[in-house]
């Protein structure tokens, strides 16, 4: 992180040293979400997420019921039967945790599949706008950008140009 900040400072100092330097920034995540393609991708992800969420909530409720039943019956069960039921319950819990982790990984993978083409196209749009408007350096707006004047924000211009490129 420190190396990135130092590199950024060096780049900025170099750019400022040139009298004709022009610096801008783009909030790429915000721009992606503002495009029609980004909104479509978000809707598709939400649909998949909500479907999986309902499935996982049902399984979680079933596991909770299984645990409650085990607690109620443990006083009347033999030690062997109790251990067997506890092992079964723990196995089901591990399967559930694995399923939750797999579901999260699947959603992240799908998000990348849907947004990567948008980001790639957006990078081309950013390059074109930067060249057309004579920017020397265009940064992605991250936590490292502490201050920027509004006229250096190219996000809205990028979204407009992106939408025109369909």
Protein backbone atom coordinates (compact mmCIF):
# COMPACT_ATOMS: atom_id res chain seq x y z
CA UNK A 1 0.00 0.00 0.00
CA UNK A 2 2.83 2.38 0.92
CA UNK A 3 4.63 1.61 -2.35
CA UNK A 4 1.44 2.41 -4.26
CA UNK A 5 1.07 5.77 -2.50
CA UNK A 6 4.73 6.62 -3.11
CA UNK A 7 4.37 5.66 -6.78
CA UNK A 8 1.23 7.75 -7.05
CA UNK A 9 2.98 10.74 -5.45
CA UNK A 10 5.91 10.37 -7.86
CA UNK A 11 3.54 10.20 -10.82
CA UNK A 12 1.62 13.23 -9.62
CA UNK A 13 4.79 15.21 -8.94
CA UNK A 14 6.08 14.37 -12.42
CA UNK A 15 2.79 15.35 -14.01
CA UNK A 16 2.62 18.61 -12.07
CA UNK A 17 6.19 19.43 -13.09
CA UNK A 18 5.03 19.60 -16.71
CA UNK A 19 3.27 22.91 -17.29
CA UNK A 20 0.72 21.37 -19.64
CA UNK A 21 -0.18 18.42 -17.43
CA UNK A 22 -3.89 17.69 -17.16
CA UNK A 23 -5.09 15.18 -14.55
CA UNK A 24 -8.51 13.63 -14.21
CA UNK A 25 -10.15 10.74 -12.45
CA UNK A 26 -12.96 8.26 -12.98
CA UNK A 27 -14.98 6.45 -10.34
CA UNK A 28 -15.16 3.18 -12.29
CA UNK A 29 -17.52 1.24 -9.96
CA UNK A 30 -19.94 4.20 -9.93
CA UNK A 31 -19.69 4.51 -13.72
CA UNK A 32 -20.34 0.78 -14.22
CA UNK A 33 -23.42 0.94 -12.00
CA UNK A 34 -24.73 4.00 -13.87
CA UNK A 35 -24.70 2.29 -17.28
CA UNK A 36 -27.64 0.30 -18.63
CA UNK A 37 -25.34 -2.73 -18.99
CA UNK A 38 -24.26 -2.33 -15.36
CA UNK A 39 -27.86 -2.05 -14.18
CA UNK A 40 -28.79 -5.18 -16.15
CA UNK A 41 -25.83 -7.08 -14.64
CA UNK A 42 -26.80 -5.92 -11.14
CA UNK A 43 -30.41 -7.04 -11.64
CA UNK A 44 -29.27 -10.46 -12.87
CA UNK A 45 -26.93 -10.84 -9.90
CA UNK A 46 -29.65 -9.81 -7.45
CA UNK A 47 -32.04 -12.36 -8.96
CA UNK A 48 -29.47 -15.14 -8.56
CA UNK A 49 -28.48 -13.95 -5.10
CA UNK A 50 -32.08 -13.81 -3.87
CA UNK A 51 -32.80 -17.29 -5.23
CA UNK A 52 -29.76 -18.74 -3.49
CA UNK A 53 -30.51 -16.76 -0.34
CA UNK A 54 -33.99 -18.31 -0.10
CA UNK A 55 -32.56 -21.81 -0.59
CA UNK A 56 -29.91 -21.25 2.06
CA UNK A 57 -32.38 -19.72 4.50
CA UNK A 58 -34.59 -22.83 4.16
CA UNK A 59 -31.62 -25.11 4.81
CA UNK A 60 -30.56 -22.97 7.75
CA UNK A 61 -34.08 -23.20 9.22
CA UNK A 62 -34.03 -26.99 8.74
CA UNK A 63 -30.69 -27.19 10.54
CA UNK A 64 -31.96 -25.02 13.36
CA UNK A 65 -34.98 -27.31 13.76
CA UNK A 66 -32.69 -30.35 13.67
CA UNK A 67 -30.55 -28.81 16.44
CA UNK A 68 -33.59 -27.96 18.55
CA UNK A 69 -34.96 -31.49 18.15
CA UNK A 70 -31.58 -32.90 19.18
CA UNK A 71 -31.55 -30.70 22.30
CA UNK A 72 -35.08 -31.79 23.25
CA UNK A 73 -34.39 -35.50 22.78
CA UNK A 74 -30.86 -35.72 24.17
CA UNK A 75 -32.00 -36.48 27.72
CA UNK A 76 -33.96 -39.55 26.57
CA UNK A 77 -31.40 -40.85 24.07
CA UNK A 78 -28.68 -43.35 24.77
CA UNK A 79 -25.13 -42.00 24.73
CA UNK A 80 -24.38 -43.85 21.48
CA UNK A 81 -27.51 -42.58 19.75
CA UNK A 82 -26.82 -39.05 20.98
CA UNK A 83 -23.25 -39.13 19.65
CA UNK A 84 -24.49 -40.46 16.31
CA UNK A 85 -27.10 -37.69 16.04
CA UNK A 86 -24.56 -35.05 17.07
CA UNK A 87 -22.14 -36.32 14.42
CA UNK A 88 -24.94 -36.25 11.84
CA UNK A 89 -25.85 -32.71 12.87
CA UNK A 90 -22.21 -31.55 12.71
CA UNK A 91 -21.87 -33.13 9.28
CA UNK A 92 -24.95 -31.30 8.06
CA UNK A 93 -23.62 -28.04 9.52
CA UNK A 94 -20.31 -28.51 7.68
CA UNK A 95 -22.16 -29.23 4.42
CA UNK A 96 -24.19 -26.07 4.94
CA UNK A 97 -21.08 -23.95 5.59
CA UNK A 98 -19.46 -25.38 2.47
CA UNK A 99 -22.58 -24.63 0.47
CA UNK A 100 -22.65 -21.04 1.74
CA UNK A 101 -18.97 -20.57 0.80
CA UNK A 102 -19.54 -22.13 -2.63
CA UNK A 103 -22.56 -19.92 -3.17
CA UNK A 104 -20.57 -16.80 -2.32
CA UNK A 105 -17.77 -17.85 -4.66
CA UNK A 106 -20.28 -18.56 -7.44
CA UNK A 107 -21.88 -15.14 -7.04
CA UNK A 108 -18.47 -13.43 -7.11
CA UNK A 109 -17.49 -15.40 -10.21
CA UNK A 110 -20.77 -14.49 -11.91
CA UNK A 111 -20.26 -10.84 -10.96
CA UNK A 112 -16.84 -10.87 -12.60
CA UNK A 113 -18.23 -12.59 -15.70
CA UNK A 114 -20.91 -9.94 -16.03
CA UNK A 115 -18.86 -6.86 -15.18
CA UNK A 116 -15.48 -7.64 -16.78
CA UNK A 117 -16.74 -6.98 -20.34
CA UNK A 118 -18.31 -3.73 -19.14
CA UNK A 119 -15.07 -2.62 -17.46
CA UNK A 120 -13.01 -3.56 -20.53
CA UNK A 121 -15.27 -1.48 -22.77
CA UNK A 122 -15.21 1.32 -20.21
CA UNK A 123 -11.40 1.35 -20.21
CA UNK A 124 -11.47 1.91 -23.97
CA UNK A 125 -13.96 4.74 -23.52
CA UNK A 126 -11.78 6.29 -20.79
CA UNK A 127 -8.73 6.10 -23.05
CA UNK A 128 -10.62 7.78 -25.90
CA UNK A 129 -12.01 10.57 -23.70
CA UNK A 130 -8.59 11.10 -22.13
CA UNK A 131 -6.95 11.42 -25.52
CA UNK A 132 -9.70 13.62 -26.97
CA UNK A 133 -9.67 15.99 -23.99
CA UNK A 134 -5.89 16.06 -23.67
CA UNK A 135 -5.50 14.43 -20.26
CA UNK A 136 -1.95 13.48 -19.32
CA UNK A 137 -3.01 11.25 -16.44
CA UNK A 138 -6.36 9.71 -15.48
CA UNK A 139 -6.64 7.97 -12.12
CA UNK A 140 -9.24 5.64 -10.77
CA UNK A 141 -10.97 7.37 -7.87
CA UNK A 142 -9.99 5.33 -4.84
CA UNK A 143 -9.33 6.02 -1.20
CA UNK A 144 -5.89 7.35 -2.24
CA UNK A 145 -7.45 10.43 -3.92
CA UNK A 146 -7.89 12.83 -1.04
CA UNK A 147 -8.98 15.87 -3.01
CA UNK A 148 -9.97 16.61 -6.58
CA UNK A 149 -11.85 19.52 -8.09
CA UNK A 150 -15.19 18.62 -9.69
CA UNK A 151 -13.95 19.49 -13.19
CA UNK A 152 -11.39 16.68 -12.99
CA UNK A 153 -14.12 14.05 -12.48
CA UNK A 154 -14.68 12.35 -15.83
CA UNK A 155 -17.16 9.77 -14.52
CA UNK A 156 -20.30 11.34 -16.01
CA UNK A 157 -18.56 11.89 -19.36
CA UNK A 158 -17.45 8.25 -19.39
CA UNK A 159 -20.98 7.01 -18.68
CA UNK A 160 -22.43 9.16 -21.49
CA UNK A 161 -19.80 8.02 -23.97
CA UNK A 162 -20.21 4.40 -22.87
CA UNK A 163 -23.96 4.51 -23.48
CA UNK A 164 -23.47 6.03 -26.94
CA UNK A 165 -21.06 3.25 -27.95
CA UNK A 166 -23.63 0.43 -27.80
